[in-house]
PDB file of N, CA and C in Angstrom:
ATOM      1  N   MET A   1     153.334 120.379 153.378  1.00  0.00           N
ATOM      2  CA  MET A   1     153.329 122.324 152.749  1.00  0.00           C
ATOM      3  C   MET A   1     151.541 122.189 153.010  1.00  0.00           C
ATOM      4  N   LYS A   2     151.114 123.809 153.519  1.00  0.00           N
ATOM      5  CA  LYS A   2     149.632 123.978 153.617  1.00  0.00           C
ATOM      6  C   LYS A   2     148.908 123.990 152.365  1.00  0.00           C
ATOM      7  N   TYR A   3     147.990 123.475 152.802  1.00  0.00           N
ATOM      8  CA  TYR A   3     146.711 124.232 151.441  1.00  0.00           C
ATOM      9  C   TYR A   3     145.887 125.427 151.832  1.00  0.00           C
ATOM     10  N   PHE A   4     145.475 126.165 150.795  1.00  0.00           N
ATOM     11  CA  PHE A   4     145.414 127.607 151.042  1.00  0.00           C
ATOM     12  C   PHE A   4     143.908 128.039 150.502  1.00  0.00           C
ATOM     13  N   PHE A   5     143.756 126.712 149.712  1.00  0.00           N
ATOM     14  CA  PHE A   5     142.613 126.985 148.084  1.00  0.00           C
ATOM     15  C   PHE A   5     141.313 127.568 149.998  1.00  0.00           C
ATOM     16  N   ASP A   6     140.452 128.168 149.933  1.00  0.00           N
ATOM     17  CA  ASP A   6     139.372 128.122 150.684  1.00  0.00           C
ATOM     18  C   ASP A   6     137.904 128.564 150.078  1.00  0.00           C
ATOM     19  N   SER A   7     136.682 128.423 150.072  1.00  0.00           N
ATOM     20  CA  SER A   7     136.164 128.691 149.554  1.00  0.00           C
ATOM     21  C   SER A   7     135.432 129.649 149.749  1.00  0.00           C
ATOM     22  N   ARG A   8     135.594 130.514 150.678  1.00  0.00           N
ATOM     23  CA  ARG A   8     135.321 131.804 151.282  1.00  0.00           C
ATOM     24  C   ARG A   8     135.749 132.481 150.222  1.00  0.00           C
ATOM     25  N   LEU A   9     137.020 133.055 150.070  1.00  0.00           N
ATOM     26  CA  LEU A   9     137.970 133.249 148.708  1.00  0.00           C
ATOM     27  C   LEU A   9     137.177 133.086 147.452  1.00  0.00           C
ATOM     28  N   ALA A  10     136.435 131.754 146.864  1.00  0.00           N
ATOM     29  CA  ALA A  10     135.935 131.283 145.883  1.00  0.00           C
ATOM     30  C   ALA A  10     134.176 132.644 145.764  1.00  0.00           C
ATOM     31  N   ASP A  11     133.923 132.289 146.861  1.00  0.00           N
ATOM     32  CA  ASP A  11     132.905 132.936 147.074  1.00  0.00           C
ATOM     33  C   ASP A  11     132.916 135.146 146.175  1.00  0.00           C
ATOM     34  N   ARG A  12     133.779 135.328 147.016  1.00  0.00           N
ATOM     35  CA  ARG A  12     134.311 136.765 147.349  1.00  0.00           C
ATOM     36  C   ARG A  12     135.545 136.775 146.137  1.00  0.00           C
ATOM     37  N   TYR A  13     135.661 136.708 145.886  1.00  0.00           N
ATOM     38  CA  TYR A  13     137.008 136.948 144.135  1.00  0.00           C
ATOM     39  C   TYR A  13     136.460 135.629 143.111  1.00  0.00           C
ATOM     40  N   GLY A  14     135.893 134.964 143.033  1.00  0.00           N
ATOM     41  CA  GLY A  14     135.808 134.353 142.173  1.00  0.00           C
ATOM     42  C   GLY A  14     136.985 133.032 142.071  1.00  0.00           C
ATOM     43  N   TYR A  15     136.401 131.938 141.075  1.00  0.00           N
ATOM     44  CA  TYR A  15     137.299 131.038 141.154  1.00  0.00           C
ATOM     45  C   TYR A  15     138.098 130.332 141.473  1.00  0.00           C
ATOM     46  N   GLY A  16     138.681 131.654 139.548  1.00  0.00           N
ATOM     47  CA  GLY A  16     140.101 131.774 139.434  1.00  0.00           C
ATOM     48  C   GLY A  16     140.473 132.625 139.963  1.00  0.00           C
ATOM     49  N   MET A  17     140.154 133.581 140.611  1.00  0.00           N
ATOM     50  CA  MET A  17     141.574 134.325 141.502  1.00  0.00           C
ATOM     51  C   MET A  17     141.849 133.628 142.968  1.00  0.00           C
ATOM     52  N   ALA A  18     140.380 133.050 143.108  1.00  0.00           N
ATOM     53  CA  ALA A  18     140.766 131.950 144.703  1.00  0.00           C
ATOM     54  C   ALA A  18     142.261 131.665 144.606  1.00  0.00           C
ATOM     55  N   VAL A  19     141.963 130.985 143.398  1.00  0.00           N
ATOM     56  CA  VAL A  19     143.301 129.697 142.461  1.00  0.00           C
ATOM     57  C   VAL A  19     144.314 130.628 142.731  1.00  0.00           C
ATOM     58  N   TYR A  20     144.758 131.288 142.320  1.00  0.00           N
ATOM     59  CA  TYR A  20     145.590 132.348 142.308  1.00  0.00           C
ATOM     60  C   TYR A  20     145.812 132.770 143.599  1.00  0.00           C
ATOM     61  N   ILE A  21     144.941 133.253 144.746  1.00  0.00           N
ATOM     62  CA  ILE A  21     145.848 133.463 146.140  1.00  0.00           C
ATOM     63  C   ILE A  21     146.110 132.355 146.745  1.00  0.00           C
ATOM     64  N   ALA A  22     145.556 131.366 146.478  1.00  0.00           N
ATOM     65  CA  ALA A  22     145.933 129.776 147.436  1.00  0.00           C
ATOM     66  C   ALA A  22     146.984 129.854 146.479  1.00  0.00           C
ATOM     67  N   ALA A  23     147.926 130.396 144.799  1.00  0.00           N
ATOM     68  CA  ALA A  23     148.959 130.038 144.924  1.00  0.00           C
ATOM     69  C   ALA A  23     150.234 130.893 144.793  1.00  0.00           C
ATOM     70  N   GLU A  24     149.639 131.811 145.192  1.00  0.00           N
ATOM     71  CA  GLU A  24     150.817 133.060 145.839  1.00  0.00           C
ATOM     72  C   GLU A  24     151.211 132.287 147.057  1.00  0.00           C
ATOM     73  N   THR A  25     149.848 132.313 147.974  1.00  0.00           N
ATOM     74  CA  THR A  25     150.298 131.581 149.257  1.00  0.00           C
ATOM     75  C   THR A  25     151.500 130.831 149.521  1.00  0.00           C
ATOM     76  N   SER A  26     150.862 129.808 148.564  1.00  0.00           N
ATOM     77  CA  SER A  26     151.600 128.385 148.886  1.00  0.00           C
ATOM     78  C   SER A  26     152.919 128.903 148.496  1.00  0.00           C
ATOM     79  N   ASP A  27     153.626 129.680 146.721  1.00  0.00           N
ATOM     80  CA  ASP A  27     154.388 130.106 147.185  1.00  0.00           C
ATOM     81  C   ASP A  27     155.211 131.346 148.082  1.00  0.00           C
ATOM     82  N   LEU A  28     154.669 132.329 148.834  1.00  0.00           N
ATOM     83  CA  LEU A  28     155.405 132.518 149.897  1.00  0.00           C
ATOM     84  C   LEU A  28     155.344 131.383 151.278  1.00  0.00           C
ATOM     85  N   GLN A  29     154.976 130.564 151.233  1.00  0.00           N
ATOM     86  CA  GLN A  29     154.790 129.527 152.303  1.00  0.00           C
ATOM     87  C   GLN A  29     156.080 129.022 151.826  1.00  0.00           C
ATOM     88  N   ARG A  30     156.341 128.657 151.159  1.00  0.00           N
ATOM     89  CA  ARG A  30     157.495 127.817 150.578  1.00  0.00           C
ATOM     90  C   ARG A  30     159.183 128.026 150.726  1.00  0.00           C
ATOM     91  N   ALA A  31     158.298 129.630 150.603  1.00  0.00           N
ATOM     92  CA  ALA A  31     159.664 130.521 150.320  1.00  0.00           C
ATOM     93  C   ALA A  31     160.460 130.768 151.894  1.00  0.00           C
ATOM     94  N   ILE A  32     159.105 131.000 152.434  1.00  0.00           N
ATOM     95  CA  ILE A  32     159.174 131.064 154.300  1.00  0.00           C
ATOM     96  C   ILE A  32     160.218 129.644 154.742  1.00  0.00           C
ATOM     97  N   ASP A  33     159.640 127.878 154.354  1.00  0.00           N
ATOM     98  CA  ASP A  33     160.129 127.592 154.786  1.00  0.00           C
ATOM     99  C   ASP A  33     161.287 127.030 154.314  1.00  0.00           C
ATOM    100  N   LEU A  34     161.574 127.339 153.369  1.00  0.00           N
ATOM    101  CA  LEU A  34     163.131 127.580 153.306  1.00  0.00           C
ATOM    102  C   LEU A  34     163.880 128.169 153.521  1.00  0.00           C
ATOM    103  N   THR A  35     163.594 129.702 154.309  1.00  0.00           N
ATOM    104  CA  THR A  35     164.563 130.721 154.774  1.00  0.00           C
ATOM    105  C   THR A  35     163.796 129.609 156.541  1.00  0.00           C
ATOM    106  N   ASN A  36     163.219 130.138 156.928  1.00  0.00           N
ATOM    107  CA  ASN A  36     163.225 128.989 158.236  1.00  0.00           C
ATOM    108  C   ASN A  36     163.839 127.788 157.876  1.00  0.00           C
ATOM    109  N   ALA A  37     164.393 127.187 157.258  1.00  0.00           N
ATOM    110  CA  ALA A  37     165.320 125.684 157.975  1.00  0.00           C
ATOM    111  C   ALA A  37     166.835 126.279 157.890  1.00  0.00           C
ATOM    112  N   ARG A  38     167.446 127.299 157.201  1.00  0.00           N
ATOM    113  CA  ARG A  38     168.800 128.328 157.223  1.00  0.00           C
ATOM    114  C   ARG A  38     168.243 128.849 157.971  1.00  0.00           C
ATOM    115  N   ARG A  39     167.164 129.400 158.423  1.00  0.00           N
ATOM    116  CA  ARG A  39     167.761 130.071 160.401  1.00  0.00           C
ATOM    117  C   ARG A  39     167.505 129.454 161.418  1.00  0.00           C
ATOM    118  N   LEU A  40     167.070 128.161 161.264  1.00  0.00           N
ATOM    119  CA  LEU A  40     166.986 127.227 162.589  1.00  0.00           C
ATOM    120  C   LEU A  40     168.457 126.563 162.295  1.00  0.00           C
ATOM    121  N   ARG A  41     169.553 126.711 161.087  1.00  0.00           N
ATOM    122  CA  ARG A  41     170.544 125.712 160.696  1.00  0.00           C
ATOM    123  C   ARG A  41     171.067 127.111 161.823  1.00  0.00           C
ATOM    124  N   ALA A  42     170.891 127.651 161.706  1.00  0.00           N
ATOM    125  CA  ALA A  42     171.500 129.775 162.246  1.00  0.00           C
ATOM    126  C   ALA A  42     171.410 129.327 163.696  1.00  0.00           C
ATOM    127  N   GLY A  43     170.486 128.909 163.955  1.00  0.00           N
ATOM    128  CA  GLY A  43     170.355 129.611 165.357  1.00  0.00           C
ATOM    129  C   GLY A  43     169.671 130.440 165.469  1.00  0.00           C
ATOM    130  N   ARG A  44     168.992 130.781 164.513  1.00  0.00           N
ATOM    131  CA  ARG A  44     168.076 132.266 164.356  1.00  0.00           C
ATOM    132  C   ARG A  44     166.142 132.259 164.657  1.00  0.00           C
ATOM    133  N   HIS A  45     165.610 133.196 165.025  1.00  0.00           N
ATOM    134  CA  HIS A  45     164.069 133.396 164.839  1.00  0.00           C
ATOM    135  C   HIS A  45     163.375 132.850 163.684  1.00  0.00           C
ATOM    136  N   LEU A  46     162.924 132.191 164.020  1.00  0.00           N
ATOM    137  CA  LEU A  46     162.324 131.623 162.667  1.00  0.00           C
ATOM    138  C   LEU A  46     160.919 132.397 162.517  1.00  0.00           C
ATOM    139  N   LEU A  47     160.129 132.997 160.603  1.00  0.00           N
ATOM    140  CA  LEU A  47     159.522 134.041 160.489  1.00  0.00           C
ATOM    141  C   LEU A  47     158.413 133.347 160.480  1.00  0.00           C
ATOM    142  N   GLU A  48     157.042 133.903 161.101  1.00  0.00           N
ATOM    143  CA  GLU A  48     155.649 133.186 160.904  1.00  0.00           C
ATOM    144  C   GLU A  48     155.147 132.607 160.335  1.00  0.00           C
ATOM    145  N   ASP A  49     154.904 131.699 159.782  1.00  0.00           N
ATOM    146  CA  ASP A  49     153.555 131.684 157.968  1.00  0.00           C
ATOM    147  C   ASP A  49     153.156 132.311 157.601  1.00  0.00           C
ATOM    148  N   ALA A  50     152.784 132.191 156.538  1.00  0.00           N
ATOM    149  CA  ALA A  50     151.622 132.211 155.605  1.00  0.00           C
ATOM    150  C   ALA A  50     151.133 132.905 155.839  1.00  0.00           C
ATOM    151  N   ARG A  51     149.908 134.380 155.138  1.00  0.00           N
ATOM    152  CA  ARG A  51     148.951 133.838 155.640  1.00  0.00           C
ATOM    153  C   ARG A  51     147.767 134.636 154.926  1.00  0.00           C
ATOM    154  N   ILE A  52     146.724 134.236 154.961  1.00  0.00           N
ATOM    155  CA  ILE A  52     146.352 134.414 153.149  1.00  0.00           C
ATOM    156  C   ILE A  52     145.940 136.259 153.496  1.00  0.00           C
ATOM    157  N   GLU A  53     146.112 136.787 154.099  1.00  0.00           N
ATOM    158  CA  GLU A  53     145.764 138.191 154.554  1.00  0.00           C
ATOM    159  C   GLU A  53     146.862 138.872 154.258  1.00  0.00           C
ATOM    160  N   ASP A  54     148.371 138.424 154.487  1.00  0.00           N
ATOM    161  CA  ASP A  54     148.905 138.934 153.527  1.00  0.00           C
ATOM    162  C   ASP A  54     148.979 138.916 152.026  1.00  0.00           C
ATOM    163  N   VAL A  55     148.907 137.756 151.740  1.00  0.00           N
ATOM    164  CA  VAL A  55     148.995 137.786 150.051  1.00  0.00           C
ATOM    165  C   VAL A  55     147.840 138.691 149.464  1.00  0.00           C
ATOM    166  N   LEU A  56     146.356 138.923 150.286  1.00  0.00           N
ATOM    167  CA  LEU A  56     145.081 139.561 149.846  1.00  0.00           C
ATOM    168  C   LEU A  56     145.568 141.420 149.924  1.00  0.00           C
ATOM    169  N   SER A  57     146.903 141.595 151.355  1.00  0.00           N
ATOM    170  CA  SER A  57     146.403 142.726 151.345  1.00  0.00           C
ATOM    171  C   SER A  57     148.023 143.258 149.964  1.00  0.00           C
ATOM    172  N   ALA A  58     149.077 142.155 149.939  1.00  0.00           N
ATOM    173  CA  ALA A  58     150.083 142.950 148.799  1.00  0.00           C
ATOM    174  C   ALA A  58     149.414 142.861 147.388  1.00  0.00           C
ATOM    175  N   MET A  59     148.336 142.156 147.367  1.00  0.00           N
ATOM    176  CA  MET A  59     147.623 142.287 146.004  1.00  0.00           C
ATOM    177  C   MET A  59     146.846 143.858 145.819  1.00  0.00           C
ATOM    178  N   LEU A  60     145.861 143.482 147.424  1.00  0.00           N
ATOM    179  CA  LEU A  60     145.283 145.220 146.756  1.00  0.00           C
ATOM    180  C   LEU A  60     146.078 146.265 146.691  1.00  0.00           C
ATOM    181  N   ASN A  61     147.702 146.441 147.841  1.00  0.00           N
ATOM    182  CA  ASN A  61     148.399 147.319 147.869  1.00  0.00           C
ATOM    183  C   ASN A  61     149.127 147.504 146.379  1.00  0.00           C
ATOM    184  N   THR A  62     148.986 146.127 145.131  1.00  0.00           N
ATOM    185  CA  THR A  62     149.624 145.923 144.293  1.00  0.00           C
ATOM    186  C   THR A  62     148.714 146.846 142.825  1.00  0.00           C
ATOM    187  N   GLY A  63     147.854 146.408 143.508  1.00  0.00           N
ATOM    188  CA  GLY A  63     146.504 146.952 142.189  1.00  0.00           C
ATOM    189  C   GLY A  63     146.057 145.929 141.700  1.00  0.00           C
ATOM    190  N   LEU A  64     146.562 144.455 142.242  1.00  0.00           N
ATOM    191  CA  LEU A  64     146.456 143.508 141.776  1.00  0.00           C
ATOM    192  C   LEU A  64     144.756 143.025 142.028  1.00  0.00           C
ATOM    193  N   LEU A  65     144.182 143.444 142.778  1.00  0.00           N
ATOM    194  CA  LEU A  65     142.960 143.223 143.377  1.00  0.00           C
ATOM    195  C   LEU A  65     142.323 144.135 143.562  1.00  0.00           C
ATOM    196  N   LYS A  66     140.939 143.955 142.987  1.00  0.00           N
ATOM    197  CA  LYS A  66     140.319 144.757 143.062  1.00  0.00           C
ATOM    198  C   LYS A  66     139.483 145.439 144.901  1.00  0.00           C
ATOM    199  N   ALA A  67     138.982 146.314 145.606  1.00  0.00           N
ATOM    200  CA  ALA A  67     139.061 146.535 147.066  1.00  0.00           C
ATOM    201  C   ALA A  67     137.622 146.304 147.019  1.00  0.00           C
ATOM    202  N   LYS A  68     137.207 145.869 146.150  1.00  0.00           N
ATOM    203  CA  LYS A  68     135.743 145.442 146.118  1.00  0.00           C
ATOM    204  C   LYS A  68     135.074 144.774 144.908  1.00  0.00           C
ATOM    205  N   THR A  69     134.874 143.575 144.787  1.00  0.00           N
ATOM    206  CA  THR A  69     133.525 142.274 143.855  1.00  0.00           C
ATOM    207  C   THR A  69     132.687 143.366 143.891  1.00  0.00           C
ATOM    208  N   ASP A  70     132.034 142.706 142.790  1.00  0.00           N
ATOM    209  CA  ASP A  70     130.448 142.967 142.251  1.00  0.00           C
ATOM    210  C   ASP A  70     129.817 141.491 143.144  1.00  0.00           C
ATOM    211  N   GLU A  71     128.236 141.966 143.422  1.00  0.00           N
ATOM    212  CA  GLU A  71     127.625 141.011 144.417  1.00  0.00           C
ATOM    213  C   GLU A  71     127.680 139.209 143.727  1.00  0.00           C
ATOM    214  N   GLY A  72     128.229 139.469 143.022  1.00  0.00           N
ATOM    215  CA  GLY A  72     128.784 137.418 142.767  1.00  0.00           C
ATOM    216  C   GLY A  72     129.433 137.370 143.091  1.00  0.00           C
ATOM    217  N   GLY A  73     130.870 137.881 143.103  1.00  0.00           N
ATOM    218  CA  GLY A  73     132.166 137.602 142.984  1.00  0.00           C
ATOM    219  C   GLY A  73     132.509 136.628 141.972  1.00  0.00           C
ATOM    220  N   THR A  74     131.744 137.076 140.487  1.00  0.00           N
ATOM    221  CA  THR A  74     132.078 136.506 139.624  1.00  0.00           C
ATOM    222  C   THR A  74     133.198 136.812 138.896  1.00  0.00           C
ATOM    223  N   ASN A  75     133.901 136.577 138.074  1.00  0.00           N
ATOM    224  CA  ASN A  75     135.888 136.710 136.817  1.00  0.00           C
ATOM    225  C   ASN A  75     135.686 136.447 135.814  1.00  0.00           C
ATOM    226  N   VAL A  76     134.228 136.144 135.338  1.00  0.00           N
ATOM    227  CA  VAL A  76     133.979 135.402 133.854  1.00  0.00           C
ATOM    228  C   VAL A  76     133.498 136.990 133.288  1.00  0.00           C
ATOM    229  N   SER A  77     133.844 137.443 132.146  1.00  0.00           N
ATOM    230  CA  SER A  77     133.983 138.628 131.542  1.00  0.00           C
ATOM    231  C   SER A  77     132.245 138.479 130.642  1.00  0.00           C
ATOM    232  N   GLY A  78     131.462 139.028 130.988  1.00  0.00           N
ATOM    233  CA  GLY A  78     130.545 139.635 130.126  1.00  0.00           C
ATOM    234  C   GLY A  78     129.525 138.204 130.924  1.00  0.00           C
ATOM    235  N   ALA A  79     129.733 137.959 132.349  1.00  0.00           N
ATOM    236  CA  ALA A  79     128.382 136.923 132.858  1.00  0.00           C
ATOM    237  C   ALA A  79     127.167 138.073 132.891  1.00  0.00           C
ATOM    238  N   THR A  80     126.500 137.160 132.694  1.00  0.00           N
ATOM    239  CA  THR A  80     124.730 138.080 132.769  1.00  0.00           C
ATOM    240  C   THR A  80     123.970 136.901 134.605  1.00  0.00           C
ATOM    241  N   ARG A  81     123.358 137.867 134.784  1.00  0.00           N
ATOM    242  CA  ARG A  81     123.203 137.417 136.153  1.00  0.00           C
ATOM    243  C   ARG A  81     121.409 136.807 136.172  1.00  0.00           C
TER     244      ARG A  81
END
């Protein structure tokens, strides 16, 4: 299993959202791994591994993630600077 958490994600989106993005990417990779196991047995072409960029793009397109974050990248409501 791959490890998808990246401190750059936390800097950009805040720690909580970075954990959520990493978990979503991990779930996607798990599904790809299961699909690839079936495809390998059937002698079919394997799918590519999950990428964080794919998950970010999907989250932006569905409105789960804002296109731009504030300067601090915090996701704590009422945070002061």
